[in-house]
Structures are given as structure tokens and as C-alpha cells.
């Protein structure tokens, strides 16, 4: 392991509570990963985020059908105008 002061300064504060030695290990592991492994991690994170969003919406709207859940999830990612145009569903009317 090299000098942790040689690491680039992050543009955000995500790692401010991380021990510099642990951060160096993490970055080293990331550098050693194959591109396909990095992409698999990204897609896994996307799936997990989607599942958590869906679970939250199901908790907030336990009476909602699967279709409504789908629409509410989509409305978190698309503009109101696009939701109406693409799905004929106005998120503001179902708030």
C-alpha cells in the first residue's frame, strides 16, 4: 500500500468517516476489478435501488395494484408531462 496522501481528493464528502487505510484498500480493490465486474456492481446497485423504491411505495400505498406501483416508481424517474404522454397517468392526480 502506498501513501494515502497520494490519493486524489474526492469531490464529495462520501468518505469523510472512512479510515484512510480502509479507503486505500477499497480504491485498490476497485482498480483491480475487471470492467465487467464493475458493471455488474453498478447494475446490482440499480436493481437494489429499484427494489427499495418499490418496497417503499408498497408500504406507502398498500392498496395499490401492481400497475399502480409500476406507475408510481416510474413517476420518480420521469417528468409529469412524460408520465402523462407515455402512460396516460398523472402523478399529481394520484398524490
Protein backbone atom coordinates (compact mmCIF):
# COMPACT_ATOMS: atom_id res chain seq x y z
CA UNK A 1 0.00 0.00 0.00
CA UNK A 2 1.22 3.46 -0.85
CA UNK A 3 0.92 6.77 0.85
CA UNK A 4 -2.77 7.61 1.33
CA UNK A 5 -1.94 11.28 0.81
CA UNK A 6 -1.27 10.36 -2.84
CA UNK A 7 -4.95 9.52 -3.32
CA UNK A 8 -6.97 12.06 -5.29
CA UNK A 9 -9.15 14.29 -3.15
CA UNK A 10 -12.81 13.31 -3.51
CA UNK A 11 -15.20 15.89 -4.90
CA UNK A 12 -17.74 14.95 -2.26
CA UNK A 13 -17.80 14.05 1.40
CA UNK A 14 -18.83 10.40 0.98
CA UNK A 15 -15.68 9.04 2.59
CA UNK A 16 -15.09 11.58 5.34
CA UNK A 17 -15.88 8.98 8.01
CA UNK A 18 -13.73 6.26 6.41
CA UNK A 19 -10.32 5.41 7.77
CA UNK A 20 -7.75 6.45 5.13
CA UNK A 21 -6.15 2.97 5.16
CA UNK A 22 -9.53 1.32 4.59
CA UNK A 23 -10.27 3.78 1.79
CA UNK A 24 -6.95 2.94 0.16
CA UNK A 25 -7.80 -0.79 0.28
CA UNK A 26 -11.24 -0.07 -1.23
CA UNK A 27 -9.78 2.02 -4.07
CA UNK A 28 -7.11 -0.61 -4.73
CA UNK A 29 -9.78 -3.31 -4.99
CA UNK A 30 -11.77 -1.11 -7.38
CA UNK A 31 -8.72 -0.58 -9.59
CA UNK A 32 -8.09 -4.35 -9.78
CA UNK A 33 -11.64 -5.19 -10.84
CA UNK A 34 -12.36 -6.13 -14.43
CA UNK A 35 -14.71 -3.76 -16.28
CA UNK A 36 -17.43 -6.41 -16.37
CA UNK A 37 -17.19 -6.76 -12.58
CA UNK A 38 -17.61 -3.02 -12.13
CA UNK A 39 -20.62 -3.02 -14.45
CA UNK A 40 -22.14 -5.96 -12.56
CA UNK A 41 -21.81 -3.96 -9.34
CA UNK A 42 -23.45 -0.91 -10.95
CA UNK A 43 -26.37 -2.96 -12.28
CA UNK A 44 -26.74 -4.70 -8.93
CA UNK A 45 -26.94 -1.31 -7.23
CA UNK A 46 -29.55 -0.15 -9.73
CA UNK A 47 -31.65 -3.29 -9.09
CA UNK A 48 -31.34 -2.85 -5.33
CA UNK A 49 -32.35 0.82 -5.54
CA UNK A 50 -35.37 -0.10 -7.66
CA UNK A 51 -36.41 -2.83 -5.24
CA UNK A 52 -36.09 -0.46 -2.27
CA UNK A 53 -38.11 2.21 -4.10
CA UNK A 54 -40.81 -0.31 -4.93
CA UNK A 55 -40.90 -1.58 -1.34
CA UNK A 56 -41.25 1.97 -0.02
CA UNK A 57 -44.11 2.73 -2.41
CA UNK A 58 -45.85 -0.53 -1.50
CA UNK A 59 -45.55 0.44 2.16
CA UNK A 60 -46.95 3.93 1.48
CA UNK A 61 -49.76 2.59 -0.73
CA UNK A 62 -50.66 -0.91 0.49
CA UNK A 63 -53.91 -0.88 -1.51
CA UNK A 64 -52.18 -0.13 -4.82
CA UNK A 65 -52.25 -2.63 -7.66
CA UNK A 66 -49.06 -3.86 -9.31
CA UNK A 67 -49.77 -1.49 -12.22
CA UNK A 68 -50.11 1.49 -9.89
CA UNK A 69 -46.87 0.54 -8.13
CA UNK A 70 -45.13 0.42 -11.52
CA UNK A 71 -46.51 3.86 -12.39
CA UNK A 72 -45.52 5.37 -9.07
CA UNK A 73 -41.98 4.01 -9.43
CA UNK A 74 -41.78 5.36 -12.99
CA UNK A 75 -43.05 8.75 -11.80
CA UNK A 76 -39.99 9.02 -9.57
CA UNK A 77 -37.80 8.94 -12.67
CA UNK A 78 -39.86 10.68 -15.34
CA UNK A 79 -41.35 14.14 -15.61
CA UNK A 80 -45.07 14.64 -15.12
CA UNK A 81 -45.51 15.51 -18.80
CA UNK A 82 -43.74 12.35 -19.92
CA UNK A 83 -45.75 10.20 -17.49
CA UNK A 84 -48.97 11.57 -18.96
CA UNK A 85 -47.74 11.20 -22.54
CA UNK A 86 -46.25 7.71 -22.11
CA UNK A 87 -48.69 6.12 -19.67
CA UNK A 88 -51.74 8.37 -19.58
CA UNK A 89 -51.18 8.70 -15.84
CA UNK A 90 -50.88 11.99 -13.97
CA UNK A 91 -48.80 11.60 -10.80
CA UNK A 92 -50.23 14.80 -9.35
CA UNK A 93 -53.76 13.43 -9.64
CA UNK A 94 -52.70 10.38 -7.63
CA UNK A 95 -50.53 12.05 -4.98
